[in-house]
Amino acid sequence: MKNILKIFSSLFFSLSILFSKDWIDIGSSSPSKPVWEVNNISEDNIEISFELNGYFIEKKDGGSQITFPDGVPILKNGAPELPRATNSVIIPDIAKMDLAILSSKYYEVLIENIFPSKGNI
């Protein structure tokens, strides 16, 4: 009986955490990881695209926290605690490449009281 109670308690707690965040859709109605794609690769060019289809917002204790799948907090002490996305690209030693952003889209979103980051503790 105790094991069944523990299982149901764990399940209830897990579901309450899972559903306590609201998914904000900016491309996908269900939570999804950011999409990284290599569009073109040659000796002197790598073209990569990145798409963020939404994010979670959790409101608690008078503040808001923003997250998204595979997002990592910036950890700058005192700055807003916002996530970032990173990915690695292997560039050969003999390559002569420059970085250029070919196009971008962004949305300005008003979110009140984003928690400040505690930095790297």
PDB file of N, CA and C in Angstrom:
ATOM      1  N   MET A   1       0.825  -1.198   0.000  1.00  0.00           N
ATOM      2  CA  MET A   1       0.000   0.000   0.000  1.00  0.00           C
ATOM      3  C   MET A   1       0.868   1.261   0.000  1.00  0.00           C
ATOM      4  N   LYS A   2       1.953   1.222   0.795  1.00  0.00           N
ATOM      5  CA  LYS A   2       2.843   2.384   0.848  1.00  0.00           C
ATOM      6  C   LYS A   2       3.496   2.640  -0.507  1.00  0.00           C
ATOM      7  N   ASN A   3       3.867   1.555  -1.204  1.00  0.00           N
ATOM      8  CA  ASN A   3       4.495   1.721  -2.519  1.00  0.00           C
ATOM      9  C   ASN A   3       3.538   2.363  -3.517  1.00  0.00           C
ATOM     10  N   ILE A   4       2.279   1.960  -3.477  1.00  0.00           N
ATOM     11  CA  ILE A   4       1.284   2.544  -4.383  1.00  0.00           C
ATOM     12  C   ILE A   4       1.106   4.018  -4.076  1.00  0.00           C
ATOM     13  N   LEU A   5       1.062   4.360  -2.808  1.00  0.00           N
ATOM     14  CA  LEU A   5       0.926   5.760  -2.401  1.00  0.00           C
ATOM     15  C   LEU A   5       2.137   6.574  -2.865  1.00  0.00           C
ATOM     16  N   LYS A   6       3.329   6.009  -2.737  1.00  0.00           N
ATOM     17  CA  LYS A   6       4.541   6.694  -3.194  1.00  0.00           C
ATOM     18  C   LYS A   6       4.518   6.907  -4.709  1.00  0.00           C
ATOM     19  N   ILE A   7       4.072   5.896  -5.439  1.00  0.00           N
ATOM     20  CA  ILE A   7       4.015   6.002  -6.898  1.00  0.00           C
ATOM     21  C   ILE A   7       3.042   7.096  -7.316  1.00  0.00           C
ATOM     22  N   PHE A   8       1.845   7.102  -6.729  1.00  0.00           N
ATOM     23  CA  PHE A   8       0.866   8.135  -7.075  1.00  0.00           C
ATOM     24  C   PHE A   8       1.328   9.523  -6.655  1.00  0.00           C
ATOM     25  N   SER A   9       1.990   9.622  -5.514  1.00  0.00           N
ATOM     26  CA  SER A   9       2.515  10.920  -5.077  1.00  0.00           C
ATOM     27  C   SER A   9       3.577  11.423  -6.048  1.00  0.00           C
ATOM     28  N   SER A  10       4.474  10.544  -6.452  1.00  0.00           N
ATOM     29  CA  SER A  10       5.523  10.923  -7.409  1.00  0.00           C
ATOM     30  C   SER A  10       4.923  11.327  -8.747  1.00  0.00           C
ATOM     31  N   LEU A  11       3.942  10.577  -9.210  1.00  0.00           N
ATOM     32  CA  LEU A  11       3.284  10.890 -10.477  1.00  0.00           C
ATOM     33  C   LEU A  11       2.574  12.237 -10.409  1.00  0.00           C
ATOM     34  N   PHE A  12       1.854  12.483  -9.329  1.00  0.00           N
ATOM     35  CA  PHE A  12       1.149  13.754  -9.164  1.00  0.00           C
ATOM     36  C   PHE A  12       2.133  14.918  -9.115  1.00  0.00           C
ATOM     37  N   PHE A  13       3.223  14.757  -8.365  1.00  0.00           N
ATOM     38  CA  PHE A  13       4.227  15.811  -8.257  1.00  0.00           C
ATOM     39  C   PHE A  13       4.872  16.087  -9.612  1.00  0.00           C
ATOM     40  N   SER A  14       5.209  15.029 -10.351  1.00  0.00           N
ATOM     41  CA  SER A  14       5.825  15.195 -11.673  1.00  0.00           C
ATOM     42  C   SER A  14       4.884  15.903 -12.636  1.00  0.00           C
ATOM     43  N   LEU A  15       3.627  15.519 -12.638  1.00  0.00           N
ATOM     44  CA  LEU A  15       2.659  16.151 -13.535  1.00  0.00           C
ATOM     45  C   LEU A  15       2.398  17.599 -13.155  1.00  0.00           C
ATOM     46  N   SER A  16       2.391  17.897 -11.859  1.00  0.00           N
ATOM     47  CA  SER A  16       2.158  19.287 -11.452  1.00  0.00           C
ATOM     48  C   SER A  16       3.319  20.179 -11.883  1.00  0.00           C
ATOM     49  N   ILE A  17       4.541  19.671 -11.833  1.00  0.00           N
ATOM     50  CA  ILE A  17       5.700  20.438 -12.305  1.00  0.00           C
ATOM     51  C   ILE A  17       5.626  20.608 -13.820  1.00  0.00           C
ATOM     52  N   LEU A  18       5.278  19.540 -14.524  1.00  0.00           N
ATOM     53  CA  LEU A  18       5.220  19.582 -15.975  1.00  0.00           C
ATOM     54  C   LEU A  18       4.192  20.588 -16.472  1.00  0.00           C
ATOM     55  N   PHE A  19       3.049  20.663 -15.824  1.00  0.00           N
ATOM     56  CA  PHE A  19       1.978  21.525 -16.298  1.00  0.00           C
ATOM     57  C   PHE A  19       1.948  22.883 -15.623  1.00  0.00           C
ATOM     58  N   SER A  20       2.932  23.209 -14.800  1.00  0.00           N
ATOM     59  CA  SER A  20       2.943  24.514 -14.143  1.00  0.00           C
ATOM     60  C   SER A  20       3.505  25.606 -15.057  1.00  0.00           C
ATOM     61  N   LYS A  21       4.091  25.225 -16.171  1.00  0.00           N
ATOM     62  CA  LYS A  21       4.645  26.186 -17.124  1.00  0.00           C
ATOM     63  C   LYS A  21       3.697  26.305 -18.312  1.00  0.00           C
ATOM     64  N   ASP A  22       3.606  27.507 -18.870  1.00  0.00           N
ATOM     65  CA  ASP A  22       2.788  27.726 -20.063  1.00  0.00           C
ATOM     66  C   ASP A  22       3.691  27.795 -21.284  1.00  0.00           C
ATOM     67  N   TRP A  23       3.354  27.041 -22.335  1.00  0.00           N
ATOM     68  CA  TRP A  23       4.087  27.070 -23.596  1.00  0.00           C
ATOM     69  C   TRP A  23       3.584  28.244 -24.422  1.00  0.00           C
ATOM     70  N   ILE A  24       4.478  29.114 -24.843  1.00  0.00           N
ATOM     71  CA  ILE A  24       4.143  30.249 -25.691  1.00  0.00           C
ATOM     72  C   ILE A  24       4.534  29.884 -27.120  1.00  0.00           C
ATOM     73  N   ASP A  25       3.543  29.752 -27.969  1.00  0.00           N
ATOM     74  CA  ASP A  25       3.727  29.291 -29.347  1.00  0.00           C
ATOM     75  C   ASP A  25       4.192  30.434 -30.248  1.00  0.00           C
ATOM     76  N   ILE A  26       5.353  30.247 -30.882  1.00  0.00           N
ATOM     77  CA  ILE A  26       5.789  31.179 -31.928  1.00  0.00           C
ATOM     78  C   ILE A  26       6.170  30.405 -33.188  1.00  0.00           C
ATOM     79  N   GLY A  27       5.573  29.219 -33.334  1.00  0.00           N
ATOM     80  CA  GLY A  27       5.849  28.399 -34.506  1.00  0.00           C
ATOM     81  C   GLY A  27       5.385  26.962 -34.353  1.00  0.00           C
ATOM     82  N   SER A  28       5.185  26.515 -33.120  1.00  0.00           N
ATOM     83  CA  SER A  28       4.735  25.155 -32.861  1.00  0.00           C
ATOM     84  C   SER A  28       3.777  25.178 -31.679  1.00  0.00           C
ATOM     85  N   SER A  29       2.620  24.559 -31.847  1.00  0.00           N
ATOM     86  CA  SER A  29       1.620  24.582 -30.777  1.00  0.00           C
ATOM     87  C   SER A  29       1.972  23.653 -29.624  1.00  0.00           C
ATOM     88  N   SER A  30       2.883  22.726 -29.834  1.00  0.00           N
ATOM     89  CA  SER A  30       3.315  21.848 -28.750  1.00  0.00           C
ATOM     90  C   SER A  30       4.804  22.081 -28.480  1.00  0.00           C
ATOM     91  N   PRO A  31       5.232  21.884 -27.237  1.00  0.00           N
ATOM     92  CA  PRO A  31       6.645  22.118 -26.902  1.00  0.00           C
ATOM     93  C   PRO A  31       7.581  21.317 -27.809  1.00  0.00           C
ATOM     94  N   SER A  32       8.605  21.995 -28.303  1.00  0.00           N
ATOM     95  CA  SER A  32       9.583  21.341 -29.170  1.00  0.00           C
ATOM     96  C   SER A  32      10.944  21.994 -28.982  1.00  0.00           C
ATOM     97  N   LYS A  33      11.974  21.213 -29.258  1.00  0.00           N
ATOM     98  CA  LYS A  33      13.341  21.719 -29.152  1.00  0.00           C
ATOM     99  C   LYS A  33      13.629  22.683 -30.301  1.00  0.00           C
ATOM    100  N   PRO A  34      14.562  23.604 -30.098  1.00  0.00           N
ATOM    101  CA  PRO A  34      14.985  24.461 -31.215  1.00  0.00           C
ATOM    102  C   PRO A  34      15.558  23.606 -32.346  1.00  0.00           C
ATOM    103  N   VAL A  35      15.419  24.093 -33.567  1.00  0.00           N
ATOM    104  CA  VAL A  35      15.867  23.346 -34.745  1.00  0.00           C
ATOM    105  C   VAL A  35      17.119  24.005 -35.314  1.00  0.00           C
ATOM    106  N   TRP A  36      18.198  23.230 -35.406  1.00  0.00           N
ATOM    107  CA  TRP A  36      19.445  23.663 -36.049  1.00  0.00           C
ATOM    108  C   TRP A  36      19.581  22.853 -37.325  1.00  0.00           C
ATOM    109  N   GLU A  37      19.830  23.498 -38.441  1.00  0.00           N
ATOM    110  CA  GLU A  37      20.024  22.787 -39.703  1.00  0.00           C
ATOM    111  C   GLU A  37      21.231  23.355 -40.448  1.00  0.00           C
ATOM    112  N   VAL A  38      21.991  22.465 -41.068  1.00  0.00           N
ATOM    113  CA  VAL A  38      23.073  22.891 -41.958  1.00  0.00           C
ATOM    114  C   VAL A  38      22.471  22.930 -43.352  1.00  0.00           C
ATOM    115  N   ASN A  39      22.324  24.126 -43.904  1.00  0.00           N
ATOM    116  CA  ASN A  39      21.686  24.302 -45.210  1.00  0.00           C
ATOM    117  C   ASN A  39      22.660  24.142 -46.365  1.00  0.00           C
ATOM    118  N   ASN A  40      23.911  24.553 -46.156  1.00  0.00           N
ATOM    119  CA  ASN A  40      24.895  24.520 -47.233  1.00  0.00           C
ATOM    120  C   ASN A  40      26.272  24.377 -46.604  1.00  0.00           C
ATOM    121  N   ILE A  41      27.104  23.564 -47.207  1.00  0.00           N
ATOM    122  CA  ILE A  41      28.472  23.419 -46.715  1.00  0.00           C
ATOM    123  C   ILE A  41      29.401  23.260 -47.921  1.00  0.00           C
ATOM    124  N   SER A  42      30.490  24.020 -47.909  1.00  0.00           N
ATOM    125  CA  SER A  42      31.498  23.940 -48.970  1.00  0.00           C
ATOM    126  C   SER A  42      32.854  24.244 -48.345  1.00  0.00           C
ATOM    127  N   GLU A  43      33.882  24.398 -49.174  1.00  0.00           N
ATOM    128  CA  GLU A  43      35.226  24.660 -48.659  1.00  0.00           C
ATOM    129  C   GLU A  43      35.320  25.959 -47.874  1.00  0.00           C
ATOM    130  N   ASP A  44      34.577  26.963 -48.294  1.00  0.00           N
ATOM    131  CA  ASP A  44      34.694  28.267 -47.647  1.00  0.00           C
ATOM    132  C   ASP A  44      33.372  28.789 -47.083  1.00  0.00           C
ATOM    133  N   ASN A  45      32.384  27.900 -46.949  1.00  0.00           N
ATOM    134  CA  ASN A  45      31.077  28.373 -46.519  1.00  0.00           C
ATOM    135  C   ASN A  45      30.322  27.283 -45.764  1.00  0.00           C
ATOM    136  N   ILE A  46      29.758  27.649 -44.644  1.00  0.00           N
ATOM    137  CA  ILE A  46      28.810  26.797 -43.933  1.00  0.00           C
ATOM    138  C   ILE A  46      27.605  27.681 -43.628  1.00  0.00           C
ATOM    139  N   GLU A  47      26.452  27.280 -44.105  1.00  0.00           N
ATOM    140  CA  GLU A  47      25.229  28.042 -43.831  1.00  0.00           C
ATOM    141  C   GLU A  47      24.364  27.232 -42.871  1.00  0.00           C
ATOM    142  N   ILE A  48      24.057  27.845 -41.735  1.00  0.00           N
ATOM    143  CA  ILE A  48      23.299  27.185 -40.675  1.00  0.00           C
ATOM    144  C   ILE A  48      22.038  27.989 -40.410  1.00  0.00           C
ATOM    145  N   SER A  49      20.941  27.292 -40.169  1.00  0.00           N
ATOM    146  CA  SER A  49      19.718  27.989 -39.767  1.00  0.00           C
ATOM    147  C   SER A  49      19.308  27.512 -38.377  1.00  0.00           C
ATOM    148  N   PHE A  50      18.679  28.403 -37.642  1.00  0.00           N
ATOM    149  CA  PHE A  50      18.222  28.136 -36.280  1.00  0.00           C
ATOM    150  C   PHE A  50      16.791  28.625 -36.170  1.00  0.00           C
ATOM    151  N   GLU A  51      15.933  27.808 -35.572  1.00  0.00           N
ATOM    152  CA  GLU A  51      14.543  28.213 -35.398  1.00  0.00           C
ATOM    153  C   GLU A  51      14.069  27.826 -34.002  1.00  0.00           C
ATOM    154  N   LEU A  52      13.577  28.816 -33.283  1.00  0.00           N
ATOM    155  CA  LEU A  52      12.994  28.607 -31.959  1.00  0.00           C
ATOM    156  C   LEU A  52      11.485  28.697 -32.131  1.00  0.00           C
ATOM    157  N   ASN A  53      10.780  27.598 -31.856  1.00  0.00           N
ATOM    158  CA  ASN A  53       9.345  27.532 -32.124  1.00  0.00           C
ATOM    159  C   ASN A  53       8.469  27.896 -30.937  1.00  0.00           C
ATOM    160  N   GLY A  54       9.068  28.286 -29.842  1.00  0.00           N
ATOM    161  CA  GLY A  54       8.292  28.672 -28.673  1.00  0.00           C
ATOM    162  C   GLY A  54       9.150  28.625 -27.426  1.00  0.00           C
ATOM    163  N   TYR A  55       8.546  28.991 -26.317  1.00  0.00           N
ATOM    164  CA  TYR A  55       9.249  28.980 -25.038  1.00  0.00           C
ATOM    165  C   TYR A  55       8.235  28.792 -23.919  1.00  0.00           C
ATOM    166  N   PHE A  56       8.746  28.408 -22.765  1.00  0.00           N
ATOM    167  CA  PHE A  56       7.911  28.269 -21.575  1.00  0.00           C
ATOM    168  C   PHE A  56       8.022  29.538 -20.747  1.00  0.00           C
ATOM    169  N   ILE A  57       6.925  29.913 -20.121  1.00  0.00           N
ATOM    170  CA  ILE A  57       6.960  30.980 -19.129  1.00  0.00           C
ATOM    171  C   ILE A  57       6.331  30.422 -17.860  1.00  0.00           C
ATOM    172  N   GLU A  58       7.020  30.621 -16.765  1.00  0.00           N
ATOM    173  CA  GLU A  58       6.531  30.175 -15.465  1.00  0.00           C
ATOM    174  C   GLU A  58       6.488  31.386 -14.550  1.00  0.00           C
ATOM    175  N   LYS A  59       5.319  31.634 -13.991  1.00  0.00           N
ATOM    176  CA  LYS A  59       5.157  32.764 -13.075  1.00  0.00           C
ATOM    177  C   LYS A  59       5.048  32.218 -11.665  1.00  0.00           C
ATOM    178  N   LYS A  60       5.933  32.719 -10.800  1.00  0.00           N
ATOM    179  CA  LYS A  60       5.916  32.292  -9.402  1.00  0.00           C
ATOM    180  C   LYS A  60       6.565  33.366  -8.555  1.00  0.00           C
ATOM    181  N   ASP A  61       6.130  33.486  -7.348  1.00  0.00           N
ATOM    182  CA  ASP A  61       6.712  34.424  -6.376  1.00  0.00           C
ATOM    183  C   ASP A  61       6.832  35.840  -6.932  1.00  0.00           C
ATOM    184  N   GLY A  62       5.856  36.283  -7.721  1.00  0.00           N
ATOM    185  CA  GLY A  62       5.858  37.650  -8.230  1.00  0.00           C
ATOM    186  C   GLY A  62       6.792  37.908  -9.391  1.00  0.00           C
ATOM    187  N   GLY A  63       7.391  36.864  -9.940  1.00  0.00           N
ATOM    188  CA  GLY A  63       8.309  37.037 -11.061  1.00  0.00           C
ATOM    189  C   GLY A  63       8.035  36.031 -12.160  1.00  0.00           C
ATOM    190  N   SER A  64       8.776  36.151 -13.237  1.00  0.00           N
ATOM    191  CA  SER A  64       8.618  35.258 -14.387  1.00  0.00           C
ATOM    192  C   SER A  64       9.953  34.618 -14.737  1.00  0.00           C
ATOM    193  N   GLN A  65       9.885  33.375 -15.158  1.00  0.00           N
ATOM    194  CA  GLN A  65      11.076  32.670 -15.619  1.00  0.00           C
ATOM    195  C   GLN A  65      10.799  32.129 -17.021  1.00  0.00           C
ATOM    196  N   ILE A  66      11.718  32.374 -17.933  1.00  0.00           N
ATOM    197  CA  ILE A  66      11.606  31.943 -19.326  1.00  0.00           C
ATOM    198  C   ILE A  66      12.573  30.784 -19.549  1.00  0.00           C
ATOM    199  N   THR A  67      12.080  29.708 -20.159  1.00  0.00           N
ATOM    200  CA  THR A  67      12.922  28.567 -20.517  1.00  0.00           C
ATOM    201  C   THR A  67      12.453  28.020 -21.861  1.00  0.00           C
ATOM    202  N   PHE A  68      13.292  27.216 -22.489  1.00  0.00           N
ATOM    203  CA  PHE A  68      12.881  26.437 -23.651  1.00  0.00           C
ATOM    204  C   PHE A  68      13.699  25.154 -23.665  1.00  0.00           C
ATOM    205  N   PRO A  69      13.208  24.103 -24.326  1.00  0.00           N
ATOM    206  CA  PRO A  69      13.934  22.835 -24.337  1.00  0.00           C
ATOM    207  C   PRO A  69      15.373  23.012 -24.827  1.00  0.00           C
ATOM    208  N   ASP A  70      16.305  22.430 -24.122  1.00  0.00           N
ATOM    209  CA  ASP A  70      17.744  22.502 -24.392  1.00  0.00           C
ATOM    210  C   ASP A  70      18.327  23.899 -24.190  1.00  0.00           C
ATOM    211  N   GLY A  71      17.561  24.827 -23.634  1.00  0.00           N
ATOM    212  CA  GLY A  71      18.070  26.167 -23.342  1.00  0.00           C
ATOM    213  C   GLY A  71      18.921  26.147 -22.083  1.00  0.00           C
ATOM    214  N   VAL A  72      19.946  26.964 -22.054  1.00  0.00           N
ATOM    215  CA  VAL A  72      20.873  27.037 -20.927  1.00  0.00           C
ATOM    216  C   VAL A  72      20.879  28.473 -20.411  1.00  0.00           C
ATOM    217  N   PRO A  73      20.757  28.677 -19.086  1.00  0.00           N
ATOM    218  CA  PRO A  73      20.768  30.053 -18.574  1.00  0.00           C
ATOM    219  C   PRO A  73      22.106  30.744 -18.827  1.00  0.00           C
ATOM    220  N   ILE A  74      22.053  32.059 -19.024  1.00  0.00           N
ATOM    221  CA  ILE A  74      23.244  32.843 -19.338  1.00  0.00           C
ATOM    222  C   ILE A  74      24.186  32.960 -18.134  1.00  0.00           C
ATOM    223  N   LEU A  75      23.664  33.010 -16.933  1.00  0.00           N
ATOM    224  CA  LEU A  75      24.446  33.044 -15.685  1.00  0.00           C
ATOM    225  C   LEU A  75      25.295  34.298 -15.523  1.00  0.00           C
ATOM    226  N   LYS A  76      24.784  35.435 -15.926  1.00  0.00           N
ATOM    227  CA  LYS A  76      25.473  36.699 -15.687  1.00  0.00           C
ATOM    228  C   LYS A  76      24.820  37.344 -14.474  1.00  0.00           C
ATOM    229  N   ASN A  77      25.579  37.496 -13.415  1.00  0.00           N
ATOM    230  CA  ASN A  77      25.058  37.977 -12.141  1.00  0.00           C
ATOM    231  C   ASN A  77      24.326  39.312 -12.290  1.00  0.00           C
ATOM    232  N   GLY A  78      23.054  39.336 -11.866  1.00  0.00           N
ATOM    233  CA  GLY A  78      22.253  40.549 -11.894  1.00  0.00           C
ATOM    234  C   GLY A  78      21.505  40.790 -13.188  1.00  0.00           C
ATOM    235  N   ALA A  79      21.921  40.162 -14.279  1.00  0.00           N
ATOM    236  CA  ALA A  79      21.214  40.301 -15.560  1.00  0.00           C
ATOM    237  C   ALA A  79      19.945  39.452 -15.509  1.00  0.00           C
ATOM    238  N   PRO A  80      18.992  39.704 -16.396  1.00  0.00           N
ATOM    239  CA  PRO A  80      17.795  38.853 -16.408  1.00  0.00           C
ATOM    240  C   PRO A  80      18.169  37.391 -16.649  1.00  0.00           C
ATOM    241  N   GLU A  81      17.504  36.497 -15.942  1.00  0.00           N
ATOM    242  CA  GLU A  81      17.783  35.071 -16.107  1.00  0.00           C
ATOM    243  C   GLU A  81      17.053  34.566 -17.349  1.00  0.00           C
ATOM    244  N   LEU A  82      17.731  34.639 -18.472  1.00  0.00           N
ATOM    245  CA  LEU A  82      17.167  34.228 -19.753  1.00  0.00           C
ATOM    246  C   LEU A  82      17.988  33.081 -20.331  1.00  0.00           C
ATOM    247  N   PRO A  83      17.341  32.195 -21.091  1.00  0.00           N
ATOM    248  CA  PRO A  83      18.080  31.074 -21.673  1.00  0.00           C
ATOM    249  C   PRO A  83      18.759  31.458 -22.985  1.00  0.00           C
ATOM    250  N   ARG A  84      19.718  30.646 -23.375  1.00  0.00           N
ATOM    251  CA  ARG A  84      20.363  30.800 -24.676  1.00  0.00           C
ATOM    252  C   ARG A  84      20.504  29.415 -25.298  1.00  0.00           C
ATOM    253  N   ALA A  85      20.703  29.397 -26.584  1.00  0.00           N
ATOM    254  CA  ALA A  85      20.901  28.143 -27.303  1.00  0.00           C
ATOM    255  C   ALA A  85      22.307  28.142 -27.878  1.00  0.00           C
ATOM    256  N   THR A  86      22.968  27.017 -27.783  1.00  0.00           N
ATOM    257  CA  THR A  86      24.317  26.899 -28.337  1.00  0.00           C
ATOM    258  C   THR A  86      24.419  25.624 -29.167  1.00  0.00           C
ATOM    259  N   ASN A  87      25.340  25.643 -30.095  1.00  0.00           N
ATOM    260  CA  ASN A  87      25.617  24.476 -30.913  1.00  0.00           C
ATOM    261  C   ASN A  87      27.048  24.601 -31.423  1.00  0.00           C
ATOM    262  N   SER A  88      27.676  23.485 -31.704  1.00  0.00           N
ATOM    263  CA  SER A  88      29.066  23.492 -32.171  1.00  0.00           C
ATOM    264  C   SER A  88      29.139  23.304 -33.679  1.00  0.00           C
ATOM    265  N   VAL A  89      30.118  23.960 -34.273  1.00  0.00           N
ATOM    266  CA  VAL A  89      30.407  23.805 -35.696  1.00  0.00           C
ATOM    267  C   VAL A  89      31.900  23.539 -35.810  1.00  0.00           C
ATOM    268  N   ILE A  90      32.256  22.489 -36.509  1.00  0.00           N
ATOM    269  CA  ILE A  90      33.671  22.167 -36.697  1.00  0.00           C
ATOM    270  C   ILE A  90      34.152  22.846 -37.977  1.00  0.00           C
ATOM    271  N   ILE A  91      35.143  23.716 -37.828  1.00  0.00           N
ATOM    272  CA  ILE A  91      35.720  24.439 -38.962  1.00  0.00           C
ATOM    273  C   ILE A  91      37.154  23.946 -39.128  1.00  0.00           C
ATOM    274  N   PRO A  92      37.524  23.483 -40.313  1.00  0.00           N
ATOM    275  CA  PRO A  92      38.886  22.988 -40.519  1.00  0.00           C
ATOM    276  C   PRO A  92      39.929  24.072 -40.237  1.00  0.00           C
ATOM    277  N   ASP A  93      41.117  23.642 -39.794  1.00  0.00           N
ATOM    278  CA  ASP A  93      42.199  24.576 -39.465  1.00  0.00           C
ATOM    279  C   ASP A  93      42.609  25.445 -40.651  1.00  0.00           C
ATOM    280  N   ILE A  94      42.549  24.908 -41.849  1.00  0.00           N
ATOM    281  CA  ILE A  94      42.996  25.665 -43.024  1.00  0.00           C
ATOM    282  C   ILE A  94      41.888  26.536 -43.626  1.00  0.00           C
ATOM    283  N   ALA A  95      40.704  26.465 -43.067  1.00  0.00           N
ATOM    284  CA  ALA A  95      39.585  27.248 -43.614  1.00  0.00           C
ATOM    285  C   ALA A  95      39.755  28.725 -43.285  1.00  0.00           C
ATOM    286  N   LYS A  96      39.355  29.547 -44.208  1.00  0.00           N
ATOM    287  CA  LYS A  96      39.369  30.997 -44.003  1.00  0.00           C
ATOM    288  C   LYS A  96      37.923  31.462 -44.061  1.00  0.00           C
ATOM    289  N   MET A  97      37.293  31.500 -42.899  1.00  0.00           N
ATOM    290  CA  MET A  97      35.874  31.816 -42.849  1.00  0.00           C
ATOM    291  C   MET A  97      35.629  33.062 -42.027  1.00  0.00           C
ATOM    292  N   ASP A  98      34.584  33.769 -42.395  1.00  0.00           N
ATOM    293  CA  ASP A  98      34.085  34.910 -41.637  1.00  0.00           C
ATOM    294  C   ASP A  98      32.676  34.571 -41.182  1.00  0.00           C
ATOM    295  N   LEU A  99      32.213  35.299 -40.196  1.00  0.00           N
ATOM    296  CA  LEU A  99      30.857  35.123 -39.699  1.00  0.00           C
ATOM    297  C   LEU A  99      29.976  36.227 -40.251  1.00  0.00           C
ATOM    298  N   ALA A 100      28.827  35.853 -40.789  1.00  0.00           N
ATOM    299  CA  ALA A 100      27.851  36.831 -41.278  1.00  0.00           C
ATOM    300  C   ALA A 100      26.451  36.310 -40.987  1.00  0.00           C
ATOM    301  N   ILE A 101      25.587  37.164 -40.490  1.00  0.00           N
ATOM    302  CA  ILE A 101      24.185  36.811 -40.291  1.00  0.00           C
ATOM    303  C   ILE A 101      23.449  37.253 -41.545  1.00  0.00           C
ATOM    304  N   LEU A 102      22.915  36.288 -42.290  1.00  0.00           N
ATOM    305  CA  LEU A 102      22.278  36.584 -43.571  1.00  0.00           C
ATOM    306  C   LEU A 102      20.873  37.149 -43.402  1.00  0.00           C
ATOM    307  N   SER A 103      20.141  36.635 -42.440  1.00  0.00           N
ATOM    308  CA  SER A 103      18.802  37.161 -42.162  1.00  0.00           C
ATOM    309  C   SER A 103      18.413  36.776 -40.744  1.00  0.00           C
ATOM    310  N   SER A 104      17.494  37.534 -40.189  1.00  0.00           N
ATOM    311  CA  SER A 104      17.008  37.217 -38.847  1.00  0.00           C
ATOM    312  C   SER A 104      15.605  37.768 -38.677  1.00  0.00           C
ATOM    313  N   LYS A 105      14.851  37.135 -37.796  1.00  0.00           N
ATOM    314  CA  LYS A 105      13.538  37.616 -37.394  1.00  0.00           C
ATOM    315  C   LYS A 105      13.518  37.599 -35.873  1.00  0.00           C
ATOM    316  N   TYR A 106      12.879  38.574 -35.307  1.00  0.00           N
ATOM    317  CA  TYR A 106      12.745  38.567 -33.863  1.00  0.00           C
ATOM    318  C   TYR A 106      11.390  39.131 -33.484  1.00  0.00           C
ATOM    319  N   TYR A 107      10.965  38.782 -32.290  1.00  0.00           N
ATOM    320  CA  TYR A 107       9.710  39.267 -31.741  1.00  0.00           C
ATOM    321  C   TYR A 107      10.013  39.972 -30.436  1.00  0.00           C
ATOM    322  N   GLU A 108       9.463  41.144 -30.255  1.00  0.00           N
ATOM    323  CA  GLU A 108       9.578  41.814 -28.965  1.00  0.00           C
ATOM    324  C   GLU A 108       8.390  41.388 -28.124  1.00  0.00           C
ATOM    325  N   VAL A 109       8.678  40.931 -26.926  1.00  0.00           N
ATOM    326  CA  VAL A 109       7.645  40.428 -26.038  1.00  0.00           C
ATOM    327  C   VAL A 109       7.774  41.150 -24.708  1.00  0.00           C
ATOM    328  N   LEU A 110       6.684  41.695 -24.218  1.00  0.00           N
ATOM    329  CA  LEU A 110       6.687  42.356 -22.917  1.00  0.00           C
ATOM    330  C   LEU A 110       6.439  41.302 -21.844  1.00  0.00           C
ATOM    331  N   ILE A 111       7.434  41.077 -21.026  1.00  0.00           N
ATOM    332  CA  ILE A 111       7.318  40.139 -19.912  1.00  0.00           C
ATOM    333  C   ILE A 111       7.757  40.886 -18.668  1.00  0.00           C
ATOM    334  N   GLU A 112       6.867  40.967 -17.712  1.00  0.00           N
ATOM    335  CA  GLU A 112       7.159  41.736 -16.509  1.00  0.00           C
ATOM    336  C   GLU A 112       7.884  40.882 -15.469  1.00  0.00           C
ATOM    337  N   ASN A 113       8.775  41.528 -14.758  1.00  0.00           N
ATOM    338  CA  ASN A 113       9.449  40.953 -13.588  1.00  0.00           C
ATOM    339  C   ASN A 113      10.167  39.636 -13.884  1.00  0.00           C
ATOM    340  N   ILE A 114      11.076  39.652 -14.840  1.00  0.00           N
ATOM    341  CA  ILE A 114      11.909  38.471 -15.075  1.00  0.00           C
ATOM    342  C   ILE A 114      12.909  38.387 -13.933  1.00  0.00           C
ATOM    343  N   PHE A 115      13.033  37.210 -13.362  1.00  0.00           N
ATOM    344  CA  PHE A 115      13.950  37.029 -12.243  1.00  0.00           C
ATOM    345  C   PHE A 115      15.376  37.390 -12.651  1.00  0.00           C
ATOM    346  N   PRO A 116      16.134  38.019 -11.759  1.00  0.00           N
ATOM    347  CA  PRO A 116      17.549  38.267 -12.060  1.00  0.00           C
ATOM    348  C   PRO A 116      18.358  36.982 -11.881  1.00  0.00           C
ATOM    349  N   SER A 117      19.415  36.870 -12.649  1.00  0.00           N
ATOM    350  CA  SER A 117      20.290  35.714 -12.535  1.00  0.00           C
ATOM    351  C   SER A 117      21.130  35.819 -11.269  1.00  0.00           C
ATOM    352  N   LYS A 118      21.404  34.679 -10.669  1.00  0.00           N
ATOM    353  CA  LYS A 118      22.286  34.643  -9.499  1.00  0.00           C
ATOM    354  C   LYS A 118      23.739  34.483  -9.923  1.00  0.00           C
ATOM    355  N   GLY A 119      23.954  34.384 -11.221  1.00  0.00           N
ATOM    356  CA  GLY A 119      25.311  34.200 -11.717  1.00  0.00           C
ATOM    357  C   GLY A 119      25.745  32.754 -11.587  1.00  0.00           C
ATOM    358  N   ASN A 120      27.006  32.521 -11.757  1.00  0.00           N
ATOM    359  CA  ASN A 120      27.567  31.186 -11.637  1.00  0.00           C
ATOM    360  C   ASN A 120      27.923  30.941 -10.181  1.00  0.00           C
ATOM    361  N   ILE A 121      27.093  30.205  -9.497  1.00  0.00           N
ATOM    362  CA  ILE A 121      27.271  30.000  -8.045  1.00  0.00           C
ATOM    363  C   ILE A 121      28.313  28.953  -7.769  1.00  0.00           C
TER     364      ILE A 121
END
